[in-house]
Amino acid sequence: DGNNWYEEYAQKGVESPLVLNGHNYVLFALEILKKHNEKATVL
């Protein structure tokens, strides 16, 4: 939908299952990295 989903199980040629808890954990990692990486806030 025009936004980023961070795939827990990623491989070329394999349909992405879009795992809910995995995406959420990436968000938590990005949140803590906001002050240390300029891309983290946008992501």
Full PDB file with SEQRES, HELIX, SHEET, SSBOND, CRYST1, ORIGX, SCALE, CONECT and MASTER records, all heavy atoms in Angstrom:
SEQRES   1 A   43  ASP GLY ASN ASN TRP TYR GLU GLU TYR ALA GLN LYS GLY          
SEQRES   2 A   43  VAL GLU SER PRO LEU VAL LEU ASN GLY HIS ASN TYR VAL          
SEQRES   3 A   43  LEU PHE ALA LEU GLU ILE LEU LYS LYS HIS ASN GLU LYS          
SEQRES   4 A   43  ALA THR VAL LEU                                              
HELIX    1 AA1 LEU A   20  LEU A   33  1                                  14    
CRYST1    1.000    1.000    1.000  90.00  90.00  90.00 P 1           1          
ORIGX1      1.000000  0.000000  0.000000        0.00000                         
ORIGX2      0.000000  1.000000  0.000000        0.00000                         
ORIGX3      0.000000  0.000000  1.000000        0.00000                         
SCALE1      1.000000  0.000000  0.000000        0.00000                         
SCALE2      0.000000  1.000000  0.000000        0.00000                         
SCALE3      0.000000  0.000000  1.000000        0.00000                         
ATOM      1  N   ASP A   1       0.823  -1.214   0.000  1.00  0.00           N  
ATOM      2  CA  ASP A   1       0.000   0.000   0.000  1.00  0.00           C  
ATOM      3  C   ASP A   1       0.857   1.265   0.000  1.00  0.00           C  
ATOM      4  O   ASP A   1       0.520   2.267   0.645  1.00  0.00           O  
ATOM      5  CB  ASP A   1      -0.936   0.012   1.221  1.00  0.00           C  
ATOM      6  CG  ASP A   1      -1.902  -1.162   1.214  1.00  0.00           C  
ATOM      7  OD1 ASP A   1      -2.359  -1.527   0.122  1.00  0.00           O  
ATOM      8  OD2 ASP A   1      -2.184  -1.706   2.301  1.00  0.00           O  
ATOM      9  N   GLY A   2       1.985   1.215  -0.701  1.00  0.00           N  
ATOM     10  CA  GLY A   2       2.858   2.383  -0.800  1.00  0.00           C  
ATOM     11  C   GLY A   2       3.785   2.572   0.376  1.00  0.00           C  
ATOM     12  O   GLY A   2       4.587   3.517   0.412  1.00  0.00           O  
ATOM     13  N   ASN A   3       3.705   1.693   1.382  1.00  0.00           N  
ATOM     14  CA  ASN A   3       4.544   1.798   2.575  1.00  0.00           C  
ATOM     15  C   ASN A   3       5.421   0.556   2.732  1.00  0.00           C  
ATOM     16  O   ASN A   3       5.316  -0.396   1.971  1.00  0.00           O  
ATOM     17  CB  ASN A   3       3.669   1.994   3.821  1.00  0.00           C  
ATOM     18  CG  ASN A   3       2.998   3.350   3.842  1.00  0.00           C  
ATOM     19  OD1 ASN A   3       3.661   4.381   3.904  1.00  0.00           O  
ATOM     20  ND2 ASN A   3       1.670   3.356   3.768  1.00  0.00           N  
ATOM     21  N   ASN A   4       6.282   0.599   3.745  1.00  0.00           N  
ATOM     22  CA  ASN A   4       7.270  -0.459   3.945  1.00  0.00           C  
ATOM     23  C   ASN A   4       6.777  -1.550   4.893  1.00  0.00           C  
ATOM     24  O   ASN A   4       6.359  -1.250   6.020  1.00  0.00           O  
ATOM     25  CB  ASN A   4       8.555   0.118   4.539  1.00  0.00           C  
ATOM     26  CG  ASN A   4       9.293   1.012   3.574  1.00  0.00           C  
ATOM     27  OD1 ASN A   4       8.878   1.184   2.424  1.00  0.00           O  
ATOM     28  ND2 ASN A   4      10.405   1.577   4.017  1.00  0.00           N  
ATOM     29  N   TRP A   5       6.868  -2.785   4.430  1.00  0.00           N  
ATOM     30  CA  TRP A   5       6.670  -3.939   5.306  1.00  0.00           C  
ATOM     31  C   TRP A   5       7.995  -4.692   5.352  1.00  0.00           C  
ATOM     32  O   TRP A   5       8.583  -4.991   4.323  1.00  0.00           O  
ATOM     33  CB  TRP A   5       5.558  -4.850   4.780  1.00  0.00           C  
ATOM     34  CG  TRP A   5       5.198  -5.925   5.768  1.00  0.00           C  
ATOM     35  CD1 TRP A   5       5.851  -7.124   5.969  1.00  0.00           C  
ATOM     36  CD2 TRP A   5       4.140  -5.881   6.730  1.00  0.00           C  
ATOM     37  NE1 TRP A   5       5.265  -7.821   6.993  1.00  0.00           N  
ATOM     38  CE2 TRP A   5       4.211  -7.085   7.483  1.00  0.00           C  
ATOM     39  CE3 TRP A   5       3.140  -4.956   7.023  1.00  0.00           C  
ATOM     40  CZ2 TRP A   5       3.308  -7.389   8.504  1.00  0.00           C  
ATOM     41  CZ3 TRP A   5       2.247  -5.257   8.053  1.00  0.00           C  
ATOM     42  CH2 TRP A   5       2.334  -6.454   8.775  1.00  0.00           C  
ATOM     43  N   TYR A   6       8.460  -5.003   6.566  1.00  0.00           N  
ATOM     44  CA  TYR A   6       9.761  -5.638   6.746  1.00  0.00           C  
ATOM     45  C   TYR A   6       9.564  -7.136   6.976  1.00  0.00           C  
ATOM     46  O   TYR A   6       9.021  -7.551   8.007  1.00  0.00           O  
ATOM     47  CB  TYR A   6      10.504  -4.964   7.897  1.00  0.00           C  
ATOM     48  CG  TYR A   6      10.561  -3.455   7.701  1.00  0.00           C  
ATOM     49  CD1 TYR A   6       9.911  -2.585   8.576  1.00  0.00           C  
ATOM     50  CD2 TYR A   6      11.228  -2.915   6.603  1.00  0.00           C  
ATOM     51  CE1 TYR A   6       9.928  -1.207   8.365  1.00  0.00           C  
ATOM     52  CE2 TYR A   6      11.248  -1.542   6.385  1.00  0.00           C  
ATOM     53  CZ  TYR A   6      10.596  -0.692   7.267  1.00  0.00           C  
ATOM     54  OH  TYR A   6      10.608   0.667   7.049  1.00  0.00           O  
ATOM     55  N   GLU A   7       9.980  -7.914   6.008  1.00  0.00           N  
ATOM     56  CA  GLU A   7       9.673  -9.342   5.970  1.00  0.00           C  
ATOM     57  C   GLU A   7      10.582 -10.162   6.888  1.00  0.00           C  
ATOM     58  O   GLU A   7      11.804 -10.054   6.840  1.00  0.00           O  
ATOM     59  CB  GLU A   7       9.790  -9.862   4.533  1.00  0.00           C  
ATOM     60  CG  GLU A   7       9.459 -11.330   4.382  1.00  0.00           C  
ATOM     61  CD  GLU A   7       8.107 -11.671   4.988  1.00  0.00           C  
ATOM     62  OE1 GLU A   7       7.083 -11.160   4.499  1.00  0.00           O  
ATOM     63  OE2 GLU A   7       8.093 -12.440   5.968  1.00  0.00           O  
ATOM     64  N   GLU A   8       9.944 -10.985   7.719  1.00  0.00           N  
ATOM     65  CA  GLU A   8      10.696 -11.861   8.618  1.00  0.00           C  
ATOM     66  C   GLU A   8      11.344 -13.020   7.870  1.00  0.00           C  
ATOM     67  O   GLU A   8      12.424 -13.481   8.252  1.00  0.00           O  
ATOM     68  CB  GLU A   8       9.778 -12.402   9.722  1.00  0.00           C  
ATOM     69  CG  GLU A   8      10.509 -13.294  10.708  1.00  0.00           C  
ATOM     70  CD  GLU A   8       9.665 -13.707  11.886  1.00  0.00           C  
ATOM     71  OE1 GLU A   8       8.558 -13.163  12.066  1.00  0.00           O  
ATOM     72  OE2 GLU A   8      10.116 -14.587  12.650  1.00  0.00           O  
ATOM     73  N   TYR A   9      10.692 -13.516   6.828  1.00  0.00           N  
ATOM     74  CA  TYR A   9      11.209 -14.660   6.063  1.00  0.00           C  
ATOM     75  C   TYR A   9      11.365 -14.240   4.606  1.00  0.00           C  
ATOM     76  O   TYR A   9      10.404 -14.275   3.832  1.00  0.00           O  
ATOM     77  CB  TYR A   9      10.264 -15.850   6.179  1.00  0.00           C  
ATOM     78  CG  TYR A   9      10.061 -16.307   7.610  1.00  0.00           C  
ATOM     79  CD1 TYR A   9       8.852 -16.104   8.264  1.00  0.00           C  
ATOM     80  CD2 TYR A   9      11.090 -16.926   8.303  1.00  0.00           C  
ATOM     81  CE1 TYR A   9       8.669 -16.519   9.575  1.00  0.00           C  
ATOM     82  CE2 TYR A   9      10.926 -17.339   9.615  1.00  0.00           C  
ATOM     83  CZ  TYR A   9       9.718 -17.133  10.246  1.00  0.00           C  
ATOM     84  OH  TYR A   9       9.545 -17.546  11.541  1.00  0.00           O  
ATOM     85  N   ALA A  10      12.563 -13.822   4.237  1.00  0.00           N  
ATOM     86  CA  ALA A  10      12.778 -13.222   2.929  1.00  0.00           C  
ATOM     87  C   ALA A  10      13.743 -14.045   2.080  1.00  0.00           C  
ATOM     88  O   ALA A  10      14.844 -14.381   2.533  1.00  0.00           O  
ATOM     89  CB  ALA A  10      13.325 -11.806   3.090  1.00  0.00           C  
ATOM     90  N   GLN A  11      13.325 -14.331   0.857  1.00  0.00           N  
ATOM     91  CA  GLN A  11      14.194 -15.012  -0.105  1.00  0.00           C  
ATOM     92  C   GLN A  11      13.650 -14.778  -1.513  1.00  0.00           C  
ATOM     93  O   GLN A  11      12.435 -14.837  -1.734  1.00  0.00           O  
ATOM     94  CB  GLN A  11      14.276 -16.519   0.193  1.00  0.00           C  
ATOM     95  CG  GLN A  11      15.319 -17.256  -0.632  1.00  0.00           C  
ATOM     96  CD  GLN A  11      15.579 -18.662  -0.088  1.00  0.00           C  
ATOM     97  OE1 GLN A  11      14.653 -19.414   0.223  1.00  0.00           O  
ATOM     98  NE2 GLN A  11      16.845 -19.006   0.056  1.00  0.00           N  
ATOM     99  N   LYS A  12      14.546 -14.505  -2.420  1.00  0.00           N  
ATOM    100  CA  LYS A  12      14.146 -14.317  -3.815  1.00  0.00           C  
ATOM    101  C   LYS A  12      13.369 -15.535  -4.298  1.00  0.00           C  
ATOM    102  O   LYS A  12      13.763 -16.679  -4.043  1.00  0.00           O  
ATOM    103  CB  LYS A  12      15.369 -14.131  -4.705  1.00  0.00           C  
ATOM    104  CG  LYS A  12      16.162 -12.869  -4.467  1.00  0.00           C  
ATOM    105  CD  LYS A  12      17.357 -12.828  -5.410  1.00  0.00           C  
ATOM    106  CE  LYS A  12      18.271 -11.654  -5.109  1.00  0.00           C  
ATOM    107  NZ  LYS A  12      19.457 -11.634  -6.016  1.00  0.00           N  
ATOM    108  N   GLY A  13      12.277 -15.301  -5.009  1.00  0.00           N  
ATOM    109  CA  GLY A  13      11.499 -16.395  -5.586  1.00  0.00           C  
ATOM    110  C   GLY A  13      10.511 -17.031  -4.637  1.00  0.00           C  
ATOM    111  O   GLY A  13       9.757 -17.920  -5.025  1.00  0.00           O  
ATOM    112  N   VAL A  14      10.492 -16.588  -3.360  1.00  0.00           N  
ATOM    113  CA  VAL A  14       9.554 -17.119  -2.368  1.00  0.00           C  
ATOM    114  C   VAL A  14       8.547 -16.020  -2.021  1.00  0.00           C  
ATOM    115  O   VAL A  14       8.938 -14.895  -1.702  1.00  0.00           O  
ATOM    116  CB  VAL A  14      10.284 -17.590  -1.088  1.00  0.00           C  
ATOM    117  CG1 VAL A  14       9.277 -18.052  -0.038  1.00  0.00           C  
ATOM    118  CG2 VAL A  14      11.267 -18.706  -1.424  1.00  0.00           C  
ATOM    119  N   GLU A  15       7.259 -16.347  -2.095  1.00  0.00           N  
ATOM    120  CA  GLU A  15       6.236 -15.355  -1.776  1.00  0.00           C  
ATOM    121  C   GLU A  15       6.342 -14.933  -0.315  1.00  0.00           C  
ATOM    122  O   GLU A  15       6.382 -15.775   0.585  1.00  0.00           O  
ATOM    123  CB  GLU A  15       4.836 -15.929  -2.042  1.00  0.00           C  
ATOM    124  CG  GLU A  15       3.732 -14.907  -1.860  1.00  0.00           C  
ATOM    125  CD  GLU A  15       2.359 -15.449  -2.212  1.00  0.00           C  
ATOM    126  OE1 GLU A  15       2.279 -16.598  -2.718  1.00  0.00           O  
ATOM    127  OE2 GLU A  15       1.371 -14.736  -1.987  1.00  0.00           O  
ATOM    128  N   SER A  16       6.396 -13.652  -0.067  1.00  0.00           N  
ATOM    129  CA  SER A  16       6.576 -13.140   1.297  1.00  0.00           C  
ATOM    130  C   SER A  16       5.324 -13.378   2.133  1.00  0.00           C  
ATOM    131  O   SER A  16       4.237 -12.925   1.755  1.00  0.00           O  
ATOM    132  CB  SER A  16       6.896 -11.639   1.257  1.00  0.00           C  
ATOM    133  OG  SER A  16       8.114 -11.407   0.585  1.00  0.00           O  
ATOM    134  N   PRO A  17       5.459 -14.042   3.296  1.00  0.00           N  
ATOM    135  CA  PRO A  17       4.284 -14.333   4.121  1.00  0.00           C  
ATOM    136  C   PRO A  17       3.821 -13.162   4.986  1.00  0.00           C  
ATOM    137  O   PRO A  17       2.779 -13.258   5.628  1.00  0.00           O  
ATOM    138  CB  PRO A  17       4.764 -15.497   4.994  1.00  0.00           C  
ATOM    139  CG  PRO A  17       6.242 -15.314   5.086  1.00  0.00           C  
ATOM    140  CD  PRO A  17       6.663 -14.734   3.767  1.00  0.00           C  
ATOM    141  N   LEU A  18       4.600 -12.067   5.028  1.00  0.00           N  
ATOM    142  CA  LEU A  18       4.212 -10.868   5.790  1.00  0.00           C  
ATOM    143  C   LEU A  18       3.841 -11.224   7.226  1.00  0.00           C  
ATOM    144  O   LEU A  18       2.696 -11.052   7.667  1.00  0.00           O  
ATOM    145  CB  LEU A  18       3.054 -10.141   5.093  1.00  0.00           C  
ATOM    146  CG  LEU A  18       3.275  -9.758   3.629  1.00  0.00           C  
ATOM    147  CD1 LEU A  18       2.065  -9.010   3.074  1.00  0.00           C  
ATOM    148  CD2 LEU A  18       4.533  -8.925   3.456  1.00  0.00           C  
ATOM    149  N   VAL A  19       4.810 -11.697   7.972  1.00  0.00           N  
ATOM    150  CA  VAL A  19       4.604 -12.131   9.361  1.00  0.00           C  
ATOM    151  C   VAL A  19       4.437 -10.912  10.264  1.00  0.00           C  
ATOM    152  O   VAL A  19       5.294 -10.003  10.268  1.00  0.00           O  
ATOM    153  CB  VAL A  19       5.784 -13.004   9.823  1.00  0.00           C  
ATOM    154  CG1 VAL A  19       5.662 -13.345  11.298  1.00  0.00           C  
ATOM    155  CG2 VAL A  19       5.851 -14.276   8.972  1.00  0.00           C  
ATOM    156  N   LEU A  20       3.369 -10.891  11.027  1.00  0.00           N  
ATOM    157  CA  LEU A  20       3.010  -9.722  11.826  1.00  0.00           C  
ATOM    158  C   LEU A  20       4.026  -9.414  12.923  1.00  0.00           C  
ATOM    159  O   LEU A  20       4.522  -8.299  13.028  1.00  0.00           O  
ATOM    160  CB  LEU A  20       1.620  -9.921  12.444  1.00  0.00           C  
ATOM    161  CG  LEU A  20       1.112  -8.789  13.341  1.00  0.00           C  
ATOM    162  CD1 LEU A  20       1.064  -7.469  12.586  1.00  0.00           C  
ATOM    163  CD2 LEU A  20      -0.270  -9.140  13.904  1.00  0.00           C  
ATOM    164  N   ASN A  21       4.344 -10.391  13.756  1.00  0.00           N  
ATOM    165  CA  ASN A  21       5.222 -10.094  14.892  1.00  0.00           C  
ATOM    166  C   ASN A  21       6.620  -9.705  14.423  1.00  0.00           C  
ATOM    167  O   ASN A  21       7.275  -8.872  15.040  1.00  0.00           O  
ATOM    168  CB  ASN A  21       5.270 -11.282  15.863  1.00  0.00           C  
ATOM    169  CG  ASN A  21       6.289 -12.333  15.478  1.00  0.00           C  
ATOM    170  OD1 ASN A  21       7.451 -12.284  15.857  1.00  0.00           O  
ATOM    171  ND2 ASN A  21       5.840 -13.317  14.693  1.00  0.00           N  
ATOM    172  N   GLY A  22       7.090 -10.306  13.299  1.00  0.00           N  
ATOM    173  CA  GLY A  22       8.414  -9.973  12.791  1.00  0.00           C  
ATOM    174  C   GLY A  22       8.507  -8.522  12.346  1.00  0.00           C  
ATOM    175  O   GLY A  22       9.487  -7.819  12.651  1.00  0.00           O  
ATOM    176  N   HIS A  23       7.503  -8.055  11.621  1.00  0.00           N  
ATOM    177  CA  HIS A  23       7.461  -6.655  11.193  1.00  0.00           C  
ATOM    178  C   HIS A  23       7.461  -5.723  12.401  1.00  0.00           C  
ATOM    179  O   HIS A  23       8.186  -4.718  12.428  1.00  0.00           O  
ATOM    180  CB  HIS A  23       6.207  -6.425  10.349  1.00  0.00           C  
ATOM    181  CG  HIS A  23       6.002  -4.997   9.950  1.00  0.00           C  
ATOM    182  ND1 HIS A  23       6.714  -4.379   8.948  1.00  0.00           N  
ATOM    183  CD2 HIS A  23       5.154  -4.049  10.436  1.00  0.00           C  
ATOM    184  CE1 HIS A  23       6.318  -3.117   8.824  1.00  0.00           C  
ATOM    185  NE2 HIS A  23       5.369  -2.900   9.713  1.00  0.00           N  
ATOM    186  N   ASN A  24       6.685  -6.072  13.411  1.00  0.00           N  
ATOM    187  CA  ASN A  24       6.597  -5.223  14.602  1.00  0.00           C  
ATOM    188  C   ASN A  24       7.932  -5.126  15.330  1.00  0.00           C  
ATOM    189  O   ASN A  24       8.316  -4.043  15.814  1.00  0.00           O  
ATOM    190  CB  ASN A  24       5.527  -5.762  15.555  1.00  0.00           C  
ATOM    191  CG  ASN A  24       4.132  -5.656  14.978  1.00  0.00           C  
ATOM    192  OD1 ASN A  24       3.885  -4.877  14.062  1.00  0.00           O  
ATOM    193  ND2 ASN A  24       3.207  -6.452  15.500  1.00  0.00           N  
ATOM    194  N   TYR A  25       8.647  -6.236  15.426  1.00  0.00           N  
ATOM    195  CA  TYR A  25       9.944  -6.212  16.102  1.00  0.00           C  
ATOM    196  C   TYR A  25      10.942  -5.335  15.343  1.00  0.00           C  
ATOM    197  O   TYR A  25      11.803  -4.679  15.958  1.00  0.00           O  
ATOM    198  CB  TYR A  25      10.503  -7.625  16.253  1.00  0.00           C  
ATOM    199  CG  TYR A  25       9.978  -8.360  17.466  1.00  0.00           C  
ATOM    200  CD1 TYR A  25       9.404  -9.620  17.353  1.00  0.00           C  
ATOM    201  CD2 TYR A  25      10.083  -7.806  18.742  1.00  0.00           C  
ATOM    202  CE1 TYR A  25       8.925 -10.302  18.466  1.00  0.00           C  
ATOM    203  CE2 TYR A  25       9.613  -8.470  19.863  1.00  0.00           C  
ATOM    204  CZ  TYR A  25       9.032  -9.721  19.721  1.00  0.00           C  
ATOM    205  OH  TYR A  25       8.562 -10.393  20.832  1.00  0.00           O  
ATOM    206  N   VAL A  26      10.849  -5.321  14.019  1.00  0.00           N  
ATOM    207  CA  VAL A  26      11.714  -4.425  13.244  1.00  0.00           C  
ATOM    208  C   VAL A  26      11.397  -2.966  13.588  1.00  0.00           C  
ATOM    209  O   VAL A  26      12.300  -2.135  13.725  1.00  0.00           O  
ATOM    210  CB  VAL A  26      11.562  -4.667  11.731  1.00  0.00           C  
ATOM    211  CG1 VAL A  26      12.410  -3.658  10.943  1.00  0.00           C  
ATOM    212  CG2 VAL A  26      11.998  -6.083  11.362  1.00  0.00           C  
ATOM    213  N   LEU A  27      10.107  -2.656  13.751  1.00  0.00           N  
ATOM    214  CA  LEU A  27       9.722  -1.295  14.131  1.00  0.00           C  
ATOM    215  C   LEU A  27      10.357  -0.895  15.467  1.00  0.00           C  
ATOM    216  O   LEU A  27      10.841   0.237  15.621  1.00  0.00           O  
ATOM    217  CB  LEU A  27       8.197  -1.179  14.228  1.00  0.00           C  
ATOM    218  CG  LEU A  27       7.407  -1.319  12.925  1.00  0.00           C  
ATOM    219  CD1 LEU A  27       5.914  -1.149  13.196  1.00  0.00           C  
ATOM    220  CD2 LEU A  27       7.870  -0.308  11.884  1.00  0.00           C  
ATOM    221  N   PHE A  28      10.373  -1.826  16.424  1.00  0.00           N  
ATOM    222  CA  PHE A  28      10.975  -1.516  17.724  1.00  0.00           C  
ATOM    223  C   PHE A  28      12.477  -1.276  17.587  1.00  0.00           C  
ATOM    224  O   PHE A  28      13.042  -0.411  18.266  1.00  0.00           O  
ATOM    225  CB  PHE A  28      10.708  -2.644  18.718  1.00  0.00           C  
ATOM    226  CG  PHE A  28       9.243  -2.887  18.991  1.00  0.00           C  
ATOM    227  CD1 PHE A  28       8.761  -4.167  19.222  1.00  0.00           C  
ATOM    228  CD2 PHE A  28       8.349  -1.843  19.006  1.00  0.00           C  
ATOM    229  CE1 PHE A  28       7.420  -4.396  19.467  1.00  0.00           C  
ATOM    230  CE2 PHE A  28       6.987  -2.053  19.254  1.00  0.00           C  
ATOM    231  CZ  PHE A  28       6.534  -3.329  19.481  1.00  0.00           C  
ATOM    232  N   ALA A  29      13.123  -2.064  16.726  1.00  0.00           N  
ATOM    233  CA  ALA A  29      14.553  -1.876  16.496  1.00  0.00           C  
ATOM    234  C   ALA A  29      14.814  -0.509  15.866  1.00  0.00           C  
ATOM    235  O   ALA A  29      15.739   0.217  16.264  1.00  0.00           O  
ATOM    236  CB  ALA A  29      15.093  -2.986  15.587  1.00  0.00           C  
ATOM    237  N   LEU A  30      13.997  -0.137  14.890  1.00  0.00           N  
ATOM    238  CA  LEU A  30      14.163   1.160  14.230  1.00  0.00           C  
ATOM    239  C   LEU A  30      13.915   2.317  15.196  1.00  0.00           C  
ATOM    240  O   LEU A  30      14.597   3.350  15.142  1.00  0.00           O  
ATOM    241  CB  LEU A  30      13.204   1.266  13.046  1.00  0.00           C  
ATOM    242  CG  LEU A  30      13.555   0.395  11.833  1.00  0.00           C  
ATOM    243  CD1 LEU A  30      12.390   0.387  10.837  1.00  0.00           C  
ATOM    244  CD2 LEU A  30      14.825   0.891  11.151  1.00  0.00           C  
ATOM    245  N   GLU A  31      12.951   2.138  16.086  1.00  0.00           N  
ATOM    246  CA  GLU A  31      12.619   3.204  17.030  1.00  0.00           C  
ATOM    247  C   GLU A  31      13.816   3.509  17.940  1.00  0.00           C  
ATOM    248  O   GLU A  31      14.129   4.684  18.193  1.00  0.00           O  
ATOM    249  CB  GLU A  31      11.395   2.806  17.859  1.00  0.00           C  
ATOM    250  CG  GLU A  31      10.709   3.956  18.562  1.00  0.00           C  
ATOM    251  CD  GLU A  31      11.389   4.362  19.855  1.00  0.00           C  
ATOM    252  OE1 GLU A  31      12.020   3.491  20.487  1.00  0.00           O  
ATOM    253  OE2 GLU A  31      11.288   5.553  20.240  1.00  0.00           O  
ATOM    254  N   ILE A  32      14.490   2.449  18.398  1.00  0.00           N  
ATOM    255  CA  ILE A  32      15.624   2.662  19.299  1.00  0.00           C  
ATOM    256  C   ILE A  32      16.845   3.194  18.541  1.00  0.00           C  
ATOM    257  O   ILE A  32      17.748   3.788  19.119  1.00  0.00           O  
ATOM    258  CB  ILE A  32      15.972   1.348  20.055  1.00  0.00           C  
ATOM    259  CG1 ILE A  32      16.814   1.638  21.303  1.00  0.00           C  
ATOM    260  CG2 ILE A  32      16.706   0.364  19.157  1.00  0.00           C  
ATOM    261  CD1 ILE A  32      16.060   2.309  22.408  1.00  0.00           C  
ATOM    262  N   LEU A  33      16.850   3.001  17.207  1.00  0.00           N  
ATOM    263  CA  LEU A  33      17.987   3.435  16.393  1.00  0.00           C  
ATOM    264  C   LEU A  33      17.813   4.848  15.825  1.00  0.00           C  
ATOM    265  O   LEU A  33      18.716   5.371  15.167  1.00  0.00           O  
ATOM    266  CB  LEU A  33      18.206   2.455  15.233  1.00  0.00           C  
ATOM    267  CG  LEU A  33      18.825   1.107  15.600  1.00  0.00           C  
ATOM    268  CD1 LEU A  33      18.641   0.111  14.463  1.00  0.00           C  
ATOM    269  CD2 LEU A  33      20.298   1.258  15.941  1.00  0.00           C  
ATOM    270  N   LYS A  34      16.678   5.465  16.072  1.00  0.00           N  
ATOM    271  CA  LYS A  34      16.382   6.771  15.477  1.00  0.00           C  
ATOM    272  C   LYS A  34      17.485   7.803  15.708  1.00  0.00           C  
ATOM    273  O   LYS A  34      17.821   8.588  14.827  1.00  0.00           O  
ATOM    274  CB  LYS A  34      15.064   7.312  16.041  1.00  0.00           C  
ATOM    275  CG  LYS A  34      13.809   6.709  15.435  1.00  0.00           C  
ATOM    276  CD  LYS A  34      12.593   7.371  16.061  1.00  0.00           C  
ATOM    277  CE  LYS A  34      11.294   6.837  15.476  1.00  0.00           C  
ATOM    278  NZ  LYS A  34      10.116   7.501  16.083  1.00  0.00           N  
ATOM    279  N   LYS A  35      18.041   7.822  16.914  1.00  0.00           N  
ATOM    280  CA  LYS A  35      19.044   8.832  17.260  1.00  0.00           C  
ATOM    281  C   LYS A  35      20.435   8.483  16.734  1.00  0.00           C  
ATOM    282  O   LYS A  35      21.365   9.288  16.864  1.00  0.00           O  
ATOM    283  CB  LYS A  35      19.107   9.006  18.779  1.00  0.00           C  
ATOM    284  CG  LYS A  35      17.836   9.570  19.393  1.00  0.00           C  
ATOM    285  CD  LYS A  35      17.974   9.718  20.898  1.00  0.00           C  
ATOM    286  CE  LYS A  35      16.703  10.271  21.522  1.00  0.00           C  
ATOM    287  NZ  LYS A  35      16.812  10.380  23.007  1.00  0.00           N  
ATOM    288  N   HIS A  36      20.557   7.290  16.143  1.00  0.00           N  
ATOM    289  CA  HIS A  36      21.885   6.819  15.748  1.00  0.00           C  
ATOM    290  C   HIS A  36      22.011   6.540  14.254  1.00  0.00           C  
ATOM    291  O   HIS A  36      23.109   6.265  13.769  1.00  0.00           O  
ATOM    292  CB  HIS A  36      22.230   5.548  16.529  1.00  0.00           C  
ATOM    293  CG  HIS A  36      22.048   5.693  18.000  1.00  0.00           C  
ATOM    294  ND1 HIS A  36      23.018   6.234  18.822  1.00  0.00           N  
ATOM    295  CD2 HIS A  36      20.994   5.397  18.820  1.00  0.00           C  
ATOM    296  CE1 HIS A  36      22.578   6.248  20.073  1.00  0.00           C  
ATOM    297  NE2 HIS A  36      21.354   5.744  20.103  1.00  0.00           N  
ATOM    298  N   ASN A  37      20.896   6.621  13.524  1.00  0.00           N  
ATOM    299  CA  ASN A  37      20.913   6.382  12.093  1.00  0.00           C  
ATOM    300  C   ASN A  37      19.852   7.269  11.445  1.00  0.00           C  
ATOM    301  O   ASN A  37      18.668   7.207  11.807  1.00  0.00           O  
ATOM    302  CB  ASN A  37      20.639   4.908  11.780  1.00  0.00           C  
ATOM    303  CG  ASN A  37      20.663   4.603  10.298  1.00  0.00           C  
ATOM    304  OD1 ASN A  37      19.736   4.944   9.563  1.00  0.00           O  
ATOM    305  ND2 ASN A  37      21.719   3.945   9.836  1.00  0.00           N  
ATOM    306  N   GLU A  38      20.260   8.076  10.482  1.00  0.00           N  
ATOM    307  CA  GLU A  38      19.346   9.070   9.910  1.00  0.00           C  
ATOM    308  C   GLU A  38      18.199   8.443   9.123  1.00  0.00           C  
ATOM    309  O   GLU A  38      17.140   9.060   8.944  1.00  0.00           O  
ATOM    310  CB  GLU A  38      20.122  10.031   9.013  1.00  0.00           C  
ATOM    311  CG  GLU A  38      20.840   9.373   7.852  1.00  0.00           C  
ATOM    312  CD  GLU A  38      21.666  10.352   7.043  1.00  0.00           C  
ATOM    313  OE1 GLU A  38      21.890  11.481   7.527  1.00  0.00           O  
ATOM    314  OE2 GLU A  38      22.079   9.992   5.933  1.00  0.00           O  
ATOM    315  N   LYS A  39      18.375   7.213   8.631  1.00  0.00           N  
ATOM    316  CA  LYS A  39      17.310   6.553   7.862  1.00  0.00           C  
ATOM    317  C   LYS A  39      16.237   5.958   8.767  1.00  0.00           C  
ATOM    318  O   LYS A  39      15.117   5.693   8.324  1.00  0.00           O  
ATOM    319  CB  LYS A  39      17.887   5.430   6.999  1.00  0.00           C  
ATOM    320  CG  LYS A  39      18.733   5.874   5.825  1.00  0.00           C  
ATOM    321  CD  LYS A  39      19.138   4.659   5.001  1.00  0.00           C  
ATOM    322  CE  LYS A  39      19.918   5.083   3.759  1.00  0.00           C  
ATOM    323  NZ  LYS A  39      21.231   5.645   4.103  1.00  0.00           N  
ATOM    324  N   ALA A  40      16.566   5.699  10.040  1.00  0.00           N  
ATOM    325  CA  ALA A  40      15.694   4.929  10.926  1.00  0.00           C  
ATOM    326  C   ALA A  40      14.325   5.578  11.122  1.00  0.00           C  
ATOM    327  O   ALA A  40      13.300   4.888  11.163  1.00  0.00           O  
ATOM    328  CB  ALA A  40      16.375   4.700  12.272  1.00  0.00           C  
ATOM    329  N   THR A  41      14.282   6.889  11.243  1.00  0.00           N  
ATOM    330  CA  THR A  41      13.002   7.574  11.483  1.00  0.00           C  
ATOM    331  C   THR A  41      12.050   7.396  10.306  1.00  0.00           C  
ATOM    332  O   THR A  41      10.867   7.077  10.484  1.00  0.00           O  
ATOM    333  CB  THR A  41      13.228   9.068  11.753  1.00  0.00           C  
ATOM    334  OG1 THR A  41      14.029   9.227  12.933  1.00  0.00           O  
ATOM    335  CG2 THR A  41      11.903   9.785  11.950  1.00  0.00           C  
ATOM    336  N   VAL A  42      12.562   7.606   9.096  1.00  0.00           N  
ATOM    337  CA  VAL A  42      11.733   7.456   7.890  1.00  0.00           C  
ATOM    338  C   VAL A  42      11.245   6.020   7.748  1.00  0.00           C  
ATOM    339  O   VAL A  42      10.070   5.771   7.437  1.00  0.00           O  
ATOM    340  CB  VAL A  42      12.522   7.882   6.632  1.00  0.00           C  
ATOM    341  CG1 VAL A  42      11.711   7.589   5.369  1.00  0.00           C  
ATOM    342  CG2 VAL A  42      12.887   9.356   6.704  1.00  0.00           C  
ATOM    343  N   LEU A  43      12.139   5.068   8.000  1.00  0.00           N  
ATOM    344  CA  LEU A  43      11.772   3.652   7.886  1.00  0.00           C  
ATOM    345  C   LEU A  43      10.746   3.263   8.950  1.00  0.00           C  
ATOM    346  O   LEU A  43       9.821   2.486   8.678  1.00  0.00           O  
ATOM    347  CB  LEU A  43      13.019   2.771   8.010  1.00  0.00           C  
ATOM    348  CG  LEU A  43      14.036   2.882   6.879  1.00  0.00           C  
ATOM    349  CD1 LEU A  43      15.289   2.064   7.189  1.00  0.00           C  
ATOM    350  CD2 LEU A  43      13.427   2.425   5.561  1.00  0.00           C  
TER     351      LEU A  43                                                      
MASTER        0    0    0    1    0    0    0    6  350    1    0    4          
END                                                                             
